[in-house]
């Protein structure tokens, strides 16, 4: 198997938090905080754009269960939920995954970006997004 997450799921060799037919959760090899967990669709989907809405919904429901459990079992003050989808996002494994990272006020690190994008977009990007979401996507020219 080319996908490291599919190989882990198939072999059953991960440190499992939850295993299900649609979504699963396991510890990453190099956690950045105690309890850091990866939540993935059990079947292979490359990214958020490739994942069917019903699979994405169940995966996000597991993200929420993991986050809730981090607050109760680990007394985390909050969580960071991180995802990179698509080649322009620095996605490291081409299998949809969400890092759920428990946070405490005194944990000594930040997962929030400190720099701003250098990318410029013509017009008002928020207006463009709102317009397409409200009206639906325009057909693309062939």
C-alpha atoms as a PDB file:
ATOM      1  CA  UNK A   1       0.000   0.000   0.000  1.00  0.00           C
ATOM      2  CA  UNK A   2       1.271   3.447  -0.885  1.00  0.00           C
ATOM      3  CA  UNK A   3      -0.722   5.258   1.822  1.00  0.00           C
ATOM      4  CA  UNK A   4       0.871   5.055   5.267  1.00  0.00           C
ATOM      5  CA  UNK A   5      -2.489   5.581   7.014  1.00  0.00           C
ATOM      6  CA  UNK A   6      -4.198   2.872   4.936  1.00  0.00           C
ATOM      7  CA  UNK A   7      -1.317   0.536   5.790  1.00  0.00           C
ATOM      8  CA  UNK A   8      -1.765   1.263   9.516  1.00  0.00           C
ATOM      9  CA  UNK A   9      -5.520   0.733   9.289  1.00  0.00           C
ATOM     10  CA  UNK A  10      -5.099  -2.497   7.314  1.00  0.00           C
ATOM     11  CA  UNK A  11      -2.383  -3.884   9.620  1.00  0.00           C
ATOM     12  CA  UNK A  12      -4.120  -2.712  12.788  1.00  0.00           C
ATOM     13  CA  UNK A  13      -0.716  -1.672  14.109  1.00  0.00           C
ATOM     14  CA  UNK A  14      -1.505   1.851  15.309  1.00  0.00           C
ATOM     15  CA  UNK A  15      -2.079   2.929  18.917  1.00  0.00           C
ATOM     16  CA  UNK A  16      -5.849   3.152  18.534  1.00  0.00           C
ATOM     17  CA  UNK A  17      -8.075   5.640  20.284  1.00  0.00           C
ATOM     18  CA  UNK A  18     -11.100   4.509  18.238  1.00  0.00           C
ATOM     19  CA  UNK A  19     -11.615   2.165  15.282  1.00  0.00           C
ATOM     20  CA  UNK A  20     -14.776   2.273  13.264  1.00  0.00           C
ATOM     21  CA  UNK A  21     -16.076   1.324   9.842  1.00  0.00           C
ATOM     22  CA  UNK A  22     -16.211   4.971   8.678  1.00  0.00           C
ATOM     23  CA  UNK A  23     -13.760   6.898  10.881  1.00  0.00           C
ATOM     24  CA  UNK A  24     -10.843   5.955  13.108  1.00  0.00           C
ATOM     25  CA  UNK A  25      -8.509   7.726  15.531  1.00  0.00           C
ATOM     26  CA  UNK A  26      -4.954   6.871  16.526  1.00  0.00           C
ATOM     27  CA  UNK A  27      -1.806   8.346  18.049  1.00  0.00           C
ATOM     28  CA  UNK A  28       0.724   9.840  15.615  1.00  0.00           C
ATOM     29  CA  UNK A  29       4.291   8.521  15.656  1.00  0.00           C
ATOM     30  CA  UNK A  30       5.608  11.876  16.905  1.00  0.00           C
ATOM     31  CA  UNK A  31       2.939  13.569  19.032  1.00  0.00           C
ATOM     32  CA  UNK A  32       3.462  17.261  19.795  1.00  0.00           C
ATOM     33  CA  UNK A  33       1.398  17.137  22.989  1.00  0.00           C
ATOM     34  CA  UNK A  34       0.251  14.418  25.385  1.00  0.00           C
ATOM     35  CA  UNK A  35      -2.836  12.832  23.819  1.00  0.00           C
ATOM     36  CA  UNK A  36      -2.292  14.290  20.310  1.00  0.00           C
ATOM     37  CA  UNK A  37      -4.560  12.202  18.081  1.00  0.00           C
ATOM     38  CA  UNK A  38      -5.101  11.792  14.338  1.00  0.00           C
ATOM     39  CA  UNK A  39      -8.663  11.280  13.123  1.00  0.00           C
ATOM     40  CA  UNK A  40      -9.058   9.817   9.619  1.00  0.00           C
ATOM     41  CA  UNK A  41     -11.712   8.273   7.411  1.00  0.00           C
ATOM     42  CA  UNK A  42     -11.190   4.518   7.610  1.00  0.00           C
ATOM     43  CA  UNK A  43     -11.389   4.278   3.800  1.00  0.00           C
ATOM     44  CA  UNK A  44      -8.915   6.164   1.647  1.00  0.00           C
ATOM     45  CA  UNK A  45      -9.845   9.699   0.635  1.00  0.00           C
ATOM     46  CA  UNK A  46      -7.031  12.052  -0.334  1.00  0.00           C
ATOM     47  CA  UNK A  47      -8.329  15.277   1.194  1.00  0.00           C
ATOM     48  CA  UNK A  48     -11.409  17.257   2.172  1.00  0.00           C
ATOM     49  CA  UNK A  49     -12.258  17.840  -1.509  1.00  0.00           C
ATOM     50  CA  UNK A  50     -12.219  14.091  -2.258  1.00  0.00           C
ATOM     51  CA  UNK A  51     -14.273  12.958   0.748  1.00  0.00           C
ATOM     52  CA  UNK A  52     -18.030  12.350   0.397  1.00  0.00           C
ATOM     53  CA  UNK A  53     -20.094  14.620   2.688  1.00  0.00           C
ATOM     54  CA  UNK A  54     -21.490  11.715   4.753  1.00  0.00           C
ATOM     55  CA  UNK A  55     -17.972  10.352   5.431  1.00  0.00           C
ATOM     56  CA  UNK A  56     -16.737  13.840   6.284  1.00  0.00           C
ATOM     57  CA  UNK A  57     -19.660  14.277   8.710  1.00  0.00           C
ATOM     58  CA  UNK A  58     -18.865  11.019  10.531  1.00  0.00           C
ATOM     59  CA  UNK A  59     -15.162  11.856  10.613  1.00  0.00           C
ATOM     60  CA  UNK A  60     -15.919  15.279  12.118  1.00  0.00           C
ATOM     61  CA  UNK A  61     -18.261  13.653  14.660  1.00  0.00           C
ATOM     62  CA  UNK A  62     -15.289  11.534  15.794  1.00  0.00           C
ATOM     63  CA  UNK A  63     -13.101  14.664  15.911  1.00  0.00           C
ATOM     64  CA  UNK A  64     -15.683  16.144  18.293  1.00  0.00           C
ATOM     65  CA  UNK A  65     -15.793  12.987  20.463  1.00  0.00           C
ATOM     66  CA  UNK A  66     -11.997  12.942  20.705  1.00  0.00           C
ATOM     67  CA  UNK A  67     -11.932  16.668  21.582  1.00  0.00           C
ATOM     68  CA  UNK A  68     -14.627  16.229  24.252  1.00  0.00           C
ATOM     69  CA  UNK A  69     -12.694  13.289  25.713  1.00  0.00           C
ATOM     70  CA  UNK A  70      -9.490  15.334  25.836  1.00  0.00           C
ATOM     71  CA  UNK A  71     -11.261  17.929  27.981  1.00  0.00           C
ATOM     72  CA  UNK A  72     -12.740  15.346  30.349  1.00  0.00           C
ATOM     73  CA  UNK A  73     -10.008  12.673  30.524  1.00  0.00           C
ATOM     74  CA  UNK A  74      -6.915  14.882  30.166  1.00  0.00           C
ATOM     75  CA  UNK A  75      -8.333  18.084  31.673  1.00  0.00           C
ATOM     76  CA  UNK A  76      -7.296  19.986  28.534  1.00  0.00           C
ATOM     77  CA  UNK A  77      -8.406  23.604  28.493  1.00  0.00           C
ATOM     78  CA  UNK A  78      -9.098  23.389  24.762  1.00  0.00           C
ATOM     79  CA  UNK A  79      -7.970  21.768  21.545  1.00  0.00           C
ATOM     80  CA  UNK A  80      -6.468  22.735  18.211  1.00  0.00           C
ATOM     81  CA  UNK A  81      -7.902  20.935  15.190  1.00  0.00           C
ATOM     82  CA  UNK A  82      -5.515  21.106  12.257  1.00  0.00           C
ATOM     83  CA  UNK A  83      -5.968  19.939   8.673  1.00  0.00           C
ATOM     84  CA  UNK A  84      -4.130  20.535   5.430  1.00  0.00           C
ATOM     85  CA  UNK A  85      -5.988  19.565   2.234  1.00  0.00           C
ATOM     86  CA  UNK A  86      -4.548  19.660  -1.240  1.00  0.00           C
ATOM     87  CA  UNK A  87      -1.108  20.150  -2.750  1.00  0.00           C
ATOM     88  CA  UNK A  88      -0.966  23.885  -1.984  1.00  0.00           C
ATOM     89  CA  UNK A  89      -1.568  23.342   1.726  1.00  0.00           C
ATOM     90  CA  UNK A  90       1.572  21.466   2.829  1.00  0.00           C
ATOM     91  CA  UNK A  91      -0.444  18.253   3.275  1.00  0.00           C
ATOM     92  CA  UNK A  92       2.133  15.674   4.338  1.00  0.00           C
ATOM     93  CA  UNK A  93       0.111  12.448   3.912  1.00  0.00           C
ATOM     94  CA  UNK A  94      -2.343  12.132   1.030  1.00  0.00           C
ATOM     95  CA  UNK A  95      -5.118  10.684   3.229  1.00  0.00           C
ATOM     96  CA  UNK A  96      -7.589  13.077   4.843  1.00  0.00           C
ATOM     97  CA  UNK A  97      -6.616  13.550   8.476  1.00  0.00           C
ATOM     98  CA  UNK A  98      -7.296  15.914  11.321  1.00  0.00           C
ATOM     99  CA  UNK A  99      -4.791  16.500  14.098  1.00  0.00           C
ATOM    100  CA  UNK A 100      -6.662  16.937  17.374  1.00  0.00           C
ATOM    101  CA  UNK A 101      -4.190  18.462  19.806  1.00  0.00           C
ATOM    102  CA  UNK A 102      -5.104  18.995  23.449  1.00  0.00           C
ATOM    103  CA  UNK A 103      -4.034  22.368  24.824  1.00  0.00           C
ATOM    104  CA  UNK A 104      -3.390  23.756  28.264  1.00  0.00           C
ATOM    105  CA  UNK A 105      -2.702  27.376  29.181  1.00  0.00           C
ATOM    106  CA  UNK A 106       0.830  26.539  30.307  1.00  0.00           C
ATOM    107  CA  UNK A 107       1.854  24.107  27.533  1.00  0.00           C
ATOM    108  CA  UNK A 108       4.450  26.503  26.117  1.00  0.00           C
ATOM    109  CA  UNK A 109       3.781  26.340  22.394  1.00  0.00           C
ATOM    110  CA  UNK A 110       1.540  27.797  19.725  1.00  0.00           C
ATOM    111  CA  UNK A 111       0.002  26.150  16.692  1.00  0.00           C
ATOM    112  CA  UNK A 112      -1.304  29.452  15.318  1.00  0.00           C
ATOM    113  CA  UNK A 113       0.513  30.824  12.243  1.00  0.00           C
ATOM    114  CA  UNK A 114       2.658  33.847  13.020  1.00  0.00           C
ATOM    115  CA  UNK A 115       3.121  35.046   9.429  1.00  0.00           C
ATOM    116  CA  UNK A 116       0.593  36.308   6.900  1.00  0.00           C
ATOM    117  CA  UNK A 117       0.147  35.024   3.354  1.00  0.00           C
ATOM    118  CA  UNK A 118       1.899  36.954   0.633  1.00  0.00           C
ATOM    119  CA  UNK A 119      -0.819  35.936  -1.847  1.00  0.00           C
ATOM    120  CA  UNK A 120      -2.893  38.760  -3.342  1.00  0.00           C
ATOM    121  CA  UNK A 121      -6.377  38.214  -4.798  1.00  0.00           C
ATOM    122  CA  UNK A 122      -8.122  40.653  -7.099  1.00  0.00           C
ATOM    123  CA  UNK A 123     -11.318  42.102  -5.638  1.00  0.00           C
ATOM    124  CA  UNK A 124     -12.730  41.317  -2.222  1.00  0.00           C
ATOM    125  CA  UNK A 125     -12.216  37.602  -1.484  1.00  0.00           C
ATOM    126  CA  UNK A 126     -14.960  37.502   1.186  1.00  0.00           C
ATOM    127  CA  UNK A 127     -17.492  38.965  -1.245  1.00  0.00           C
ATOM    128  CA  UNK A 128     -16.381  36.415  -3.858  1.00  0.00           C
ATOM    129  CA  UNK A 129     -16.820  33.536  -1.405  1.00  0.00           C
ATOM    130  CA  UNK A 130     -20.220  34.759  -0.213  1.00  0.00           C
ATOM    131  CA  UNK A 131     -21.417  35.224  -3.781  1.00  0.00           C
ATOM    132  CA  UNK A 132     -20.492  31.715  -4.874  1.00  0.00           C
ATOM    133  CA  UNK A 133     -21.865  30.079  -1.725  1.00  0.00           C
ATOM    134  CA  UNK A 134     -25.138  31.994  -2.032  1.00  0.00           C
ATOM    135  CA  UNK A 135     -25.599  31.638  -5.792  1.00  0.00           C
ATOM    136  CA  UNK A 136     -23.752  28.372  -6.359  1.00  0.00           C
ATOM    137  CA  UNK A 137     -20.685  27.832  -8.540  1.00  0.00           C
ATOM    138  CA  UNK A 138     -20.680  29.238 -12.057  1.00  0.00           C
ATOM    139  CA  UNK A 139     -20.238  26.769 -14.922  1.00  0.00           C
ATOM    140  CA  UNK A 140     -16.678  26.714 -16.159  1.00  0.00           C
ATOM    141  CA  UNK A 141     -15.934  27.522 -19.784  1.00  0.00           C
ATOM    142  CA  UNK A 142     -14.714  24.629 -21.885  1.00  0.00           C
END
